[in-house]
Amino acid sequence: MDEKTVNEENKEAPETSSGEKTTKAEKKEVERLSEELEKAKADLATLNDKYLRMMAEYDNFRKRSGKEREGVYADAYGEALAAILPVMDNLERALAFSEGETLTQGVKMTLRQFEDALKRLGVESFGKRGDAFDPKIHNAIMQTEDEELGENQIAEVLQKGYSKGDKIIRHAMVKVAK
């Protein structure tokens, strides 16, 4: 080989636009980094697609759950009405046939049916004379002197309270002994 050929082989790469000279190693590094960048872009696109799909699935789940919840509420509402409507029917019958003793029997029968409907719905009444006053479930309307009862005992129930499980539907309104 002549000297000119050897010098051409050892010659550095042409200058870049910024005036720097690049070598083969630098070119390989640029290619490697370009490949990594393309791979990262592809990974990002894949992850973004997965994210969008997951968000769409979550949105569909939320909508479906909302519809199911509305259905459950509607079913419960219907069940409550179905249990109470016969009571209303009997009250209308009692008014239609209101003649002394018959009216009393009709109202007693209606009251019993109403209590049965509440039991079927899992509703219990509370608040009896002599029970201990509990501000969590009773509303004290008045205080009264009652020698038969101890302090903070219910002397009279003005309106029964109702609960379903641990949930208070209506607090009992009571008079409390001093």
N, C-alpha and C. Protein backbone atom coordinates (compact mmCIF):
# COMPACT_ATOMS: atom_id res chain seq x y z
N MET A 1 0.83 -1.18 0.00
CA MET A 1 0.00 0.00 0.00
C MET A 1 0.87 1.24 0.00
N ASP A 2 0.37 2.17 -0.67
CA ASP A 2 1.15 3.40 -0.64
C ASP A 2 0.70 4.27 0.51
N GLU A 3 1.43 5.29 0.75
CA GLU A 3 1.21 6.15 1.90
C GLU A 3 -0.10 6.90 1.80
N LYS A 4 -0.51 7.21 0.60
CA LYS A 4 -1.75 7.95 0.40
C LYS A 4 -2.96 7.10 0.81
N THR A 5 -2.98 5.82 0.49
CA THR A 5 -4.08 4.92 0.82
C THR A 5 -4.17 4.74 2.32
N VAL A 6 -3.07 4.58 3.00
CA VAL A 6 -3.05 4.42 4.45
C VAL A 6 -3.59 5.66 5.11
N ASN A 7 -3.21 6.82 4.64
CA ASN A 7 -3.69 8.06 5.22
C ASN A 7 -5.20 8.21 5.02
N GLU A 8 -5.73 7.74 3.90
CA GLU A 8 -7.17 7.84 3.65
C GLU A 8 -7.95 6.93 4.59
N GLU A 9 -7.40 5.76 4.91
CA GLU A 9 -8.08 4.84 5.81
C GLU A 9 -8.12 5.39 7.23
N ASN A 10 -7.07 6.03 7.65
CA ASN A 10 -7.00 6.58 9.00
C ASN A 10 -7.64 7.95 9.10
N LYS A 11 -8.07 8.42 7.97
CA LYS A 11 -8.67 9.74 7.93
C LYS A 11 -9.92 9.77 8.81
N GLU A 12 -10.11 10.84 9.49
CA GLU A 12 -11.29 10.98 10.36
C GLU A 12 -12.52 11.22 9.51
N ALA A 13 -13.69 10.99 10.10
CA ALA A 13 -14.96 11.18 9.40
C ALA A 13 -15.15 12.64 9.08
N PRO A 14 -16.00 12.92 8.11
CA PRO A 14 -16.22 14.32 7.74
C PRO A 14 -16.82 15.11 8.90
N GLU A 15 -16.67 16.38 8.82
CA GLU A 15 -17.18 17.24 9.88
C GLU A 15 -18.71 17.29 9.81
N THR A 16 -19.33 17.44 10.99
CA THR A 16 -20.78 17.58 11.05
C THR A 16 -21.12 19.03 10.83
N SER A 17 -22.40 19.33 10.78
CA SER A 17 -22.84 20.70 10.54
C SER A 17 -22.39 21.63 11.65
N SER A 18 -22.14 21.09 12.83
CA SER A 18 -21.71 21.95 13.92
C SER A 18 -20.20 22.09 13.96
N GLY A 19 -19.56 21.48 13.04
CA GLY A 19 -18.13 21.64 12.97
C GLY A 19 -17.39 20.54 13.70
N GLU A 20 -18.07 19.62 14.32
CA GLU A 20 -17.40 18.54 15.04
C GLU A 20 -17.13 17.39 14.08
N LYS A 21 -16.13 16.63 14.38
CA LYS A 21 -15.82 15.47 13.55
C LYS A 21 -16.40 14.24 14.23
N THR A 22 -17.01 13.33 13.46
CA THR A 22 -17.58 12.11 14.02
C THR A 22 -16.77 10.91 13.58
N THR A 23 -16.72 9.93 14.46
CA THR A 23 -15.99 8.70 14.16
C THR A 23 -16.98 7.58 13.95
N LYS A 24 -16.48 6.43 13.52
CA LYS A 24 -17.33 5.27 13.32
C LYS A 24 -17.99 4.86 14.64
N ALA A 25 -17.26 4.92 15.73
CA ALA A 25 -17.80 4.55 17.05
C ALA A 25 -18.94 5.48 17.43
N GLU A 26 -18.78 6.74 17.13
CA GLU A 26 -19.85 7.69 17.45
C GLU A 26 -21.07 7.43 16.58
N LYS A 27 -20.84 7.07 15.32
CA LYS A 27 -21.96 6.75 14.44
C LYS A 27 -22.73 5.54 14.96
N LYS A 28 -21.98 4.52 15.41
CA LYS A 28 -22.62 3.33 15.96
C LYS A 28 -23.43 3.69 17.21
N GLU A 29 -22.86 4.55 18.04
CA GLU A 29 -23.56 4.97 19.26
C GLU A 29 -24.84 5.72 18.91
N VAL A 30 -24.79 6.57 17.91
CA VAL A 30 -25.97 7.31 17.46
C VAL A 30 -27.02 6.34 16.93
N GLU A 31 -26.58 5.34 16.16
CA GLU A 31 -27.52 4.34 15.64
C GLU A 31 -28.17 3.56 16.78
N ARG A 32 -27.32 3.16 17.75
CA ARG A 32 -27.85 2.41 18.91
C ARG A 32 -28.87 3.25 19.68
N LEU A 33 -28.54 4.50 19.91
CA LEU A 33 -29.46 5.39 20.63
C LEU A 33 -30.74 5.62 19.83
N SER A 34 -30.62 5.71 18.52
CA SER A 34 -31.81 5.87 17.67
C SER A 34 -32.71 4.65 17.78
N GLU A 35 -32.09 3.47 17.78
CA GLU A 35 -32.87 2.23 17.92
C GLU A 35 -33.56 2.19 19.28
N GLU A 36 -32.83 2.57 20.33
CA GLU A 36 -33.43 2.60 21.68
C GLU A 36 -34.59 3.59 21.72
N LEU A 37 -34.40 4.73 21.07
CA LEU A 37 -35.46 5.73 21.04
C LEU A 37 -36.69 5.19 20.33
N GLU A 38 -36.51 4.52 19.20
CA GLU A 38 -37.63 3.93 18.47
C GLU A 38 -38.33 2.87 19.32
N LYS A 39 -37.52 2.05 20.00
CA LYS A 39 -38.09 1.01 20.87
C LYS A 39 -38.89 1.66 22.01
N ALA A 40 -38.34 2.71 22.61
CA ALA A 40 -39.03 3.41 23.69
C ALA A 40 -40.33 4.04 23.19
N LYS A 41 -40.30 4.58 21.96
CA LYS A 41 -41.52 5.15 21.38
C LYS A 41 -42.57 4.07 21.17
N ALA A 42 -42.13 2.90 20.69
CA ALA A 42 -43.06 1.79 20.48
C ALA A 42 -43.64 1.31 21.81
N ASP A 43 -42.77 1.20 22.83
CA ASP A 43 -43.24 0.81 24.16
C ASP A 43 -44.23 1.82 24.71
N LEU A 44 -43.94 3.10 24.52
CA LEU A 44 -44.83 4.16 24.98
C LEU A 44 -46.18 4.06 24.29
N ALA A 45 -46.17 3.82 22.99
CA ALA A 45 -47.43 3.69 22.24
C ALA A 45 -48.22 2.49 22.75
N THR A 46 -47.53 1.37 23.01
CA THR A 46 -48.20 0.18 23.54
C THR A 46 -48.80 0.46 24.91
N LEU A 47 -48.02 1.07 25.79
CA LEU A 47 -48.52 1.38 27.13
C LEU A 47 -49.66 2.38 27.09
N ASN A 48 -49.56 3.36 26.21
CA ASN A 48 -50.63 4.35 26.07
C ASN A 48 -51.91 3.67 25.59
N ASP A 49 -51.78 2.74 24.65
CA ASP A 49 -52.94 1.99 24.16
C ASP A 49 -53.57 1.18 25.30
N LYS A 50 -52.70 0.50 26.08
CA LYS A 50 -53.22 -0.27 27.23
C LYS A 50 -53.92 0.65 28.23
N TYR A 51 -53.33 1.81 28.48
CA TYR A 51 -53.92 2.77 29.41
C TYR A 51 -55.31 3.22 28.92
N LEU A 52 -55.40 3.56 27.63
CA LEU A 52 -56.68 4.01 27.09
C LEU A 52 -57.73 2.90 27.16
N ARG A 53 -57.33 1.67 26.89
CA ARG A 53 -58.26 0.54 26.98
C ARG A 53 -58.72 0.33 28.42
N MET A 54 -57.77 0.43 29.36
CA MET A 54 -58.11 0.25 30.76
C MET A 54 -59.06 1.36 31.23
N MET A 55 -58.83 2.58 30.80
CA MET A 55 -59.71 3.68 31.18
C MET A 55 -61.10 3.48 30.60
N ALA A 56 -61.18 2.97 29.37
CA ALA A 56 -62.49 2.70 28.75
C ALA A 56 -63.20 1.58 29.51
N GLU A 57 -62.45 0.54 29.89
CA GLU A 57 -63.05 -0.55 30.67
C GLU A 57 -63.55 -0.04 32.01
N TYR A 58 -62.75 0.82 32.67
CA TYR A 58 -63.16 1.37 33.96
C TYR A 58 -64.43 2.21 33.80
N ASP A 59 -64.47 3.03 32.76
CA ASP A 59 -65.65 3.87 32.52
C ASP A 59 -66.88 3.00 32.29
N ASN A 60 -66.73 1.94 31.49
CA ASN A 60 -67.85 1.01 31.26
C ASN A 60 -68.27 0.33 32.56
N PHE A 61 -67.29 -0.08 33.38
CA PHE A 61 -67.59 -0.70 34.67
C PHE A 61 -68.37 0.27 35.56
N ARG A 62 -67.92 1.51 35.61
CA ARG A 62 -68.58 2.52 36.44
C ARG A 62 -70.02 2.72 36.00
N LYS A 63 -70.23 2.82 34.68
CA LYS A 63 -71.59 3.00 34.16
C LYS A 63 -72.45 1.79 34.46
N ARG A 64 -71.89 0.59 34.26
CA ARG A 64 -72.64 -0.64 34.50
C ARG A 64 -72.99 -0.76 35.99
N SER A 65 -72.04 -0.43 36.86
CA SER A 65 -72.29 -0.49 38.30
C SER A 65 -73.38 0.50 38.71
N GLY A 66 -73.35 1.69 38.11
CA GLY A 66 -74.38 2.69 38.40
C GLY A 66 -75.76 2.19 38.01
N LYS A 67 -75.85 1.56 36.84
CA LYS A 67 -77.14 1.03 36.40
C LYS A 67 -77.60 -0.10 37.31
N GLU A 68 -76.68 -0.97 37.72
CA GLU A 68 -77.04 -2.06 38.63
C GLU A 68 -77.52 -1.50 39.97
N ARG A 69 -76.81 -0.47 40.46
CA ARG A 69 -77.19 0.14 41.74
C ARG A 69 -78.59 0.74 41.64
N GLU A 70 -78.86 1.43 40.52
CA GLU A 70 -80.20 1.99 40.31
C GLU A 70 -81.24 0.89 40.28
N GLY A 71 -80.89 -0.23 39.67
CA GLY A 71 -81.81 -1.37 39.62
C GLY A 71 -82.09 -1.92 41.00
N VAL A 72 -81.06 -2.00 41.83
CA VAL A 72 -81.24 -2.49 43.20
C VAL A 72 -82.14 -1.55 43.98
N TYR A 73 -81.90 -0.25 43.83
CA TYR A 73 -82.74 0.73 44.53
C TYR A 73 -84.19 0.63 44.06
N ALA A 74 -84.37 0.48 42.76
CA ALA A 74 -85.73 0.36 42.22
C ALA A 74 -86.41 -0.89 42.75
N ASP A 75 -85.66 -1.99 42.82
CA ASP A 75 -86.23 -3.24 43.36
C ASP A 75 -86.61 -3.07 44.82
N ALA A 76 -85.74 -2.44 45.60
CA ALA A 76 -86.02 -2.23 47.03
C ALA A 76 -87.23 -1.31 47.20
N TYR A 77 -87.29 -0.28 46.40
CA TYR A 77 -88.41 0.65 46.44
C TYR A 77 -89.70 -0.08 46.11
N GLY A 78 -89.66 -0.90 45.07
CA GLY A 78 -90.84 -1.67 44.68
C GLY A 78 -91.26 -2.65 45.76
N GLU A 79 -90.27 -3.28 46.39
CA GLU A 79 -90.57 -4.22 47.47
C GLU A 79 -91.24 -3.50 48.64
N ALA A 80 -90.74 -2.32 48.98
CA ALA A 80 -91.33 -1.56 50.08
C ALA A 80 -92.76 -1.14 49.75
N LEU A 81 -92.96 -0.67 48.54
CA LEU A 81 -94.32 -0.27 48.15
C LEU A 81 -95.26 -1.46 48.12
N ALA A 82 -94.79 -2.59 47.60
CA ALA A 82 -95.63 -3.78 47.54
C ALA A 82 -96.05 -4.23 48.94
N ALA A 83 -95.18 -4.04 49.92
CA ALA A 83 -95.51 -4.42 51.29
C ALA A 83 -96.49 -3.44 51.93
N ILE A 84 -96.46 -2.17 51.52
CA ILE A 84 -97.30 -1.14 52.15
C ILE A 84 -98.65 -0.96 51.45
N LEU A 85 -98.71 -1.20 50.16
CA LEU A 85 -99.96 -0.97 49.42
C LEU A 85 -101.17 -1.75 49.96
N PRO A 86 -101.04 -3.01 50.37
CA PRO A 86 -102.20 -3.69 50.95
C PRO A 86 -102.74 -2.99 52.20
N VAL A 87 -101.84 -2.36 52.95
CA VAL A 87 -102.27 -1.61 54.13
C VAL A 87 -103.15 -0.45 53.70
N MET A 88 -102.75 0.23 52.65
CA MET A 88 -103.54 1.34 52.13
C MET A 88 -104.91 0.85 51.66
N ASP A 89 -104.92 -0.28 50.98
CA ASP A 89 -106.19 -0.86 50.53
C ASP A 89 -107.13 -1.11 51.71
N ASN A 90 -106.60 -1.69 52.77
CA ASN A 90 -107.44 -1.98 53.94
C ASN A 90 -107.93 -0.71 54.64
N LEU A 91 -107.12 0.33 54.64
CA LEU A 91 -107.57 1.59 55.22
C LEU A 91 -108.74 2.15 54.41
N GLU A 92 -108.65 2.04 53.09
CA GLU A 92 -109.75 2.49 52.24
C GLU A 92 -111.01 1.67 52.50
N ARG A 93 -110.85 0.35 52.68
CA ARG A 93 -112.00 -0.50 53.00
C ARG A 93 -112.59 -0.13 54.35
N ALA A 94 -111.72 0.15 55.32
CA ALA A 94 -112.19 0.51 56.66
C ALA A 94 -113.02 1.79 56.60
N LEU A 95 -112.61 2.74 55.80
CA LEU A 95 -113.38 3.97 55.66
C LEU A 95 -114.71 3.72 54.97
N ALA A 96 -114.71 2.83 54.00
CA ALA A 96 -115.94 2.53 53.26
C ALA A 96 -116.98 1.83 54.15
N PHE A 97 -116.54 1.03 55.10
CA PHE A 97 -117.46 0.28 55.97
C PHE A 97 -117.33 0.71 57.42
N SER A 98 -117.24 2.00 57.68
CA SER A 98 -117.03 2.48 59.04
C SER A 98 -118.34 2.50 59.82
N GLU A 99 -118.57 1.44 60.58
CA GLU A 99 -119.74 1.35 61.44
C GLU A 99 -119.30 0.83 62.80
N GLY A 100 -119.07 1.72 63.76
CA GLY A 100 -118.77 1.38 65.14
C GLY A 100 -117.70 0.32 65.32
N GLU A 101 -118.12 -0.85 65.83
CA GLU A 101 -117.21 -1.95 66.16
C GLU A 101 -116.47 -2.47 64.92
N THR A 102 -117.15 -2.47 63.82
CA THR A 102 -116.53 -2.95 62.59
C THR A 102 -115.33 -2.08 62.23
N LEU A 103 -115.45 -0.78 62.44
CA LEU A 103 -114.34 0.13 62.15
C LEU A 103 -113.15 -0.19 63.05
N THR A 104 -113.41 -0.40 64.33
CA THR A 104 -112.33 -0.72 65.27
C THR A 104 -111.62 -2.00 64.85
N GLN A 105 -112.39 -3.02 64.50
CA GLN A 105 -111.78 -4.28 64.06
C GLN A 105 -110.98 -4.09 62.78
N GLY A 106 -111.51 -3.30 61.88
CA GLY A 106 -110.82 -3.04 60.61
C GLY A 106 -109.50 -2.32 60.83
N VAL A 107 -109.51 -1.33 61.72
CA VAL A 107 -108.28 -0.59 62.00
C VAL A 107 -107.26 -1.50 62.68
N LYS A 108 -107.71 -2.35 63.63
CA LYS A 108 -106.80 -3.29 64.30
C LYS A 108 -106.19 -4.26 63.29
N MET A 109 -107.02 -4.75 62.39
CA MET A 109 -106.55 -5.67 61.37
C MET A 109 -105.54 -4.98 60.46
N THR A 110 -105.83 -3.75 60.11
CA THR A 110 -104.94 -2.98 59.24
C THR A 110 -103.60 -2.72 59.94
N LEU A 111 -103.66 -2.37 61.20
CA LEU A 111 -102.45 -2.12 61.97
C LEU A 111 -101.60 -3.39 62.03
N ARG A 112 -102.22 -4.52 62.29
CA ARG A 112 -101.51 -5.80 62.34
C ARG A 112 -100.85 -6.10 60.99
N GLN A 113 -101.57 -5.86 59.92
CA GLN A 113 -101.03 -6.12 58.59
C GLN A 113 -99.85 -5.18 58.29
N PHE A 114 -99.97 -3.95 58.73
CA PHE A 114 -98.88 -2.99 58.53
C PHE A 114 -97.64 -3.44 59.30
N GLU A 115 -97.82 -3.88 60.54
CA GLU A 115 -96.70 -4.36 61.35
C GLU A 115 -96.05 -5.58 60.70
N ASP A 116 -96.87 -6.48 60.15
CA ASP A 116 -96.34 -7.66 59.45
C ASP A 116 -95.53 -7.25 58.22
N ALA A 117 -96.02 -6.25 57.49
CA ALA A 117 -95.30 -5.77 56.31
C ALA A 117 -93.93 -5.21 56.71
N LEU A 118 -93.89 -4.47 57.80
CA LEU A 118 -92.62 -3.92 58.27
C LEU A 118 -91.66 -5.04 58.68
N LYS A 119 -92.19 -6.08 59.34
CA LYS A 119 -91.35 -7.21 59.73
C LYS A 119 -90.78 -7.91 58.50
N ARG A 120 -91.59 -8.08 57.46
CA ARG A 120 -91.10 -8.71 56.23
C ARG A 120 -89.97 -7.89 55.60
N LEU A 121 -90.02 -6.60 55.79
CA LEU A 121 -88.97 -5.72 55.27
C LEU A 121 -87.77 -5.64 56.21
N GLY A 122 -87.84 -6.33 57.37
CA GLY A 122 -86.74 -6.31 58.32
C GLY A 122 -86.72 -5.08 59.21
N VAL A 123 -87.85 -4.39 59.30
CA VAL A 123 -87.93 -3.16 60.10
C VAL A 123 -88.48 -3.52 61.48
N GLU A 124 -87.82 -3.01 62.52
CA GLU A 124 -88.26 -3.26 63.89
C GLU A 124 -88.58 -1.94 64.57
N SER A 125 -89.59 -1.98 65.45
CA SER A 125 -89.92 -0.77 66.22
C SER A 125 -89.18 -0.83 67.56
N PHE A 126 -88.98 0.33 68.16
CA PHE A 126 -88.36 0.39 69.48
C PHE A 126 -88.90 1.58 70.23
N GLY A 127 -88.70 1.55 71.54
CA GLY A 127 -89.18 2.62 72.41
C GLY A 127 -90.39 2.17 73.20
N LYS A 128 -90.16 1.70 74.44
CA LYS A 128 -91.26 1.28 75.31
C LYS A 128 -91.12 1.97 76.66
N ARG A 129 -92.22 2.12 77.32
CA ARG A 129 -92.20 2.69 78.67
C ARG A 129 -91.29 1.84 79.54
N GLY A 130 -90.43 2.50 80.29
CA GLY A 130 -89.51 1.81 81.19
C GLY A 130 -88.14 1.55 80.59
N ASP A 131 -88.01 1.65 79.28
CA ASP A 131 -86.69 1.47 78.65
C ASP A 131 -85.77 2.61 79.08
N ALA A 132 -84.47 2.34 79.08
CA ALA A 132 -83.49 3.39 79.37
C ALA A 132 -83.42 4.35 78.18
N PHE A 133 -83.35 5.64 78.47
CA PHE A 133 -83.25 6.65 77.42
C PHE A 133 -81.87 6.57 76.77
N ASP A 134 -81.83 6.50 75.46
CA ASP A 134 -80.58 6.47 74.70
C ASP A 134 -80.66 7.57 73.64
N PRO A 135 -79.87 8.63 73.78
CA PRO A 135 -79.96 9.75 72.84
C PRO A 135 -79.61 9.37 71.40
N LYS A 136 -78.99 8.21 71.19
CA LYS A 136 -78.66 7.78 69.83
C LYS A 136 -79.91 7.32 69.08
N ILE A 137 -80.91 6.83 69.81
CA ILE A 137 -82.11 6.30 69.14
C ILE A 137 -83.41 6.96 69.59
N HIS A 138 -83.34 7.78 70.65
CA HIS A 138 -84.55 8.45 71.17
C HIS A 138 -84.38 9.96 71.08
N ASN A 139 -85.48 10.66 70.82
CA ASN A 139 -85.53 12.12 70.91
C ASN A 139 -86.37 12.45 72.13
N ALA A 140 -85.77 13.09 73.12
CA ALA A 140 -86.51 13.48 74.32
C ALA A 140 -87.27 14.77 74.02
N ILE A 141 -88.59 14.69 74.03
CA ILE A 141 -89.43 15.84 73.75
C ILE A 141 -89.71 16.60 75.04
N MET A 142 -89.91 15.85 76.13
CA MET A 142 -90.22 16.46 77.43
C MET A 142 -89.59 15.64 78.53
N GLN A 143 -89.52 16.27 79.70
CA GLN A 143 -89.17 15.56 80.92
C GLN A 143 -90.38 15.62 81.84
N THR A 144 -90.59 14.56 82.59
CA THR A 144 -91.75 14.51 83.45
C THR A 144 -91.39 13.83 84.76
N GLU A 145 -92.16 14.15 85.80
CA GLU A 145 -91.98 13.48 87.10
C GLU A 145 -92.73 12.17 87.05
N ASP A 146 -92.08 11.07 87.39
CA ASP A 146 -92.73 9.77 87.45
C ASP A 146 -92.06 8.98 88.55
N GLU A 147 -92.80 8.77 89.65
CA GLU A 147 -92.23 8.09 90.82
C GLU A 147 -92.00 6.60 90.57
N GLU A 148 -92.70 6.03 89.62
CA GLU A 148 -92.56 4.60 89.33
C GLU A 148 -91.26 4.30 88.57
N LEU A 149 -90.74 5.29 87.88
CA LEU A 149 -89.57 5.08 87.03
C LEU A 149 -88.35 5.78 87.60
N GLY A 150 -87.19 5.25 87.28
CA GLY A 150 -85.94 5.88 87.67
C GLY A 150 -85.58 7.01 86.72
N GLU A 151 -84.52 7.70 87.07
CA GLU A 151 -84.08 8.82 86.25
C GLU A 151 -83.61 8.32 84.88
N ASN A 152 -83.91 9.09 83.84
CA ASN A 152 -83.54 8.78 82.46
C ASN A 152 -84.16 7.50 81.92
N GLN A 153 -85.36 7.19 82.41
CA GLN A 153 -86.13 6.09 81.83
C GLN A 153 -87.28 6.70 81.05
N ILE A 154 -87.73 5.98 80.04
CA ILE A 154 -88.81 6.47 79.20
C ILE A 154 -90.13 6.37 79.96
N ALA A 155 -90.79 7.53 80.13
CA ALA A 155 -92.07 7.57 80.83
C ALA A 155 -93.22 7.35 79.86
N GLU A 156 -93.08 7.88 78.65
CA GLU A 156 -94.15 7.74 77.66
C GLU A 156 -93.54 7.82 76.26
N VAL A 157 -94.05 6.98 75.38
CA VAL A 157 -93.61 7.00 73.98
C VAL A 157 -94.66 7.78 73.19
N LEU A 158 -94.24 8.90 72.63
CA LEU A 158 -95.15 9.72 71.83
C LEU A 158 -95.19 9.23 70.38
N GLN A 159 -94.09 8.70 69.91
CA GLN A 159 -94.02 8.14 68.56
C GLN A 159 -92.92 7.08 68.55
N LYS A 160 -93.29 5.86 68.12
CA LYS A 160 -92.32 4.77 68.08
C LYS A 160 -91.18 5.09 67.12
N GLY A 161 -90.03 4.52 67.45
CA GLY A 161 -88.89 4.61 66.55
C GLY A 161 -88.80 3.33 65.73
N TYR A 162 -88.14 3.41 64.58
CA TYR A 162 -88.00 2.25 63.70
C TYR A 162 -86.56 2.14 63.21
N SER A 163 -86.10 0.91 63.11
CA SER A 163 -84.75 0.67 62.60
C SER A 163 -84.75 -0.56 61.71
N LYS A 164 -83.76 -0.59 60.84
CA LYS A 164 -83.52 -1.78 60.02
C LYS A 164 -82.05 -2.11 60.22
N GLY A 165 -81.80 -3.20 60.92
CA GLY A 165 -80.42 -3.54 61.25
C GLY A 165 -79.85 -2.47 62.16
N ASP A 166 -78.69 -1.95 61.80
CA ASP A 166 -78.04 -0.90 62.60
C ASP A 166 -78.49 0.50 62.19
N LYS A 167 -79.25 0.62 61.14
CA LYS A 167 -79.66 1.94 60.63
C LYS A 167 -80.97 2.38 61.27
N ILE A 168 -80.97 3.56 61.84
CA ILE A 168 -82.18 4.14 62.43
C ILE A 168 -82.98 4.79 61.31
N ILE A 169 -84.21 4.33 61.13
CA ILE A 169 -85.09 4.91 60.11
C ILE A 169 -85.78 6.14 60.68
N ARG A 170 -86.26 6.01 61.92
CA ARG A 170 -86.89 7.14 62.60
C ARG A 170 -86.61 7.01 64.09
N HIS A 171 -86.18 8.10 64.72
CA HIS A 171 -85.93 8.11 66.16
C HIS A 171 -87.27 8.10 66.90
N ALA A 172 -87.30 7.46 68.05
CA ALA A 172 -88.51 7.45 68.88
C ALA A 172 -88.61 8.79 69.61
N MET A 173 -89.81 9.37 69.63
CA MET A 173 -90.04 10.61 70.38
C MET A 173 -90.65 10.21 71.72
N VAL A 174 -89.98 10.62 72.80
CA VAL A 174 -90.37 10.12 74.13
C VAL A 174 -90.37 11.23 75.18
N LYS A 175 -91.12 10.95 76.28
CA LYS A 175 -91.02 11.74 77.50
C LYS A 175 -90.10 10.97 78.42
N VAL A 176 -89.20 11.68 79.08
CA VAL A 176 -88.21 11.03 79.94
C VAL A 176 -88.47 11.40 81.39
N ALA A 177 -88.35 10.41 82.27
CA ALA A 177 -88.55 10.65 83.71
C ALA A 177 -87.33 11.36 84.28
N LYS A 178 -87.62 12.32 85.21
CA LYS A 178 -86.54 13.04 85.89
C LYS A 178 -86.06 12.25 87.08
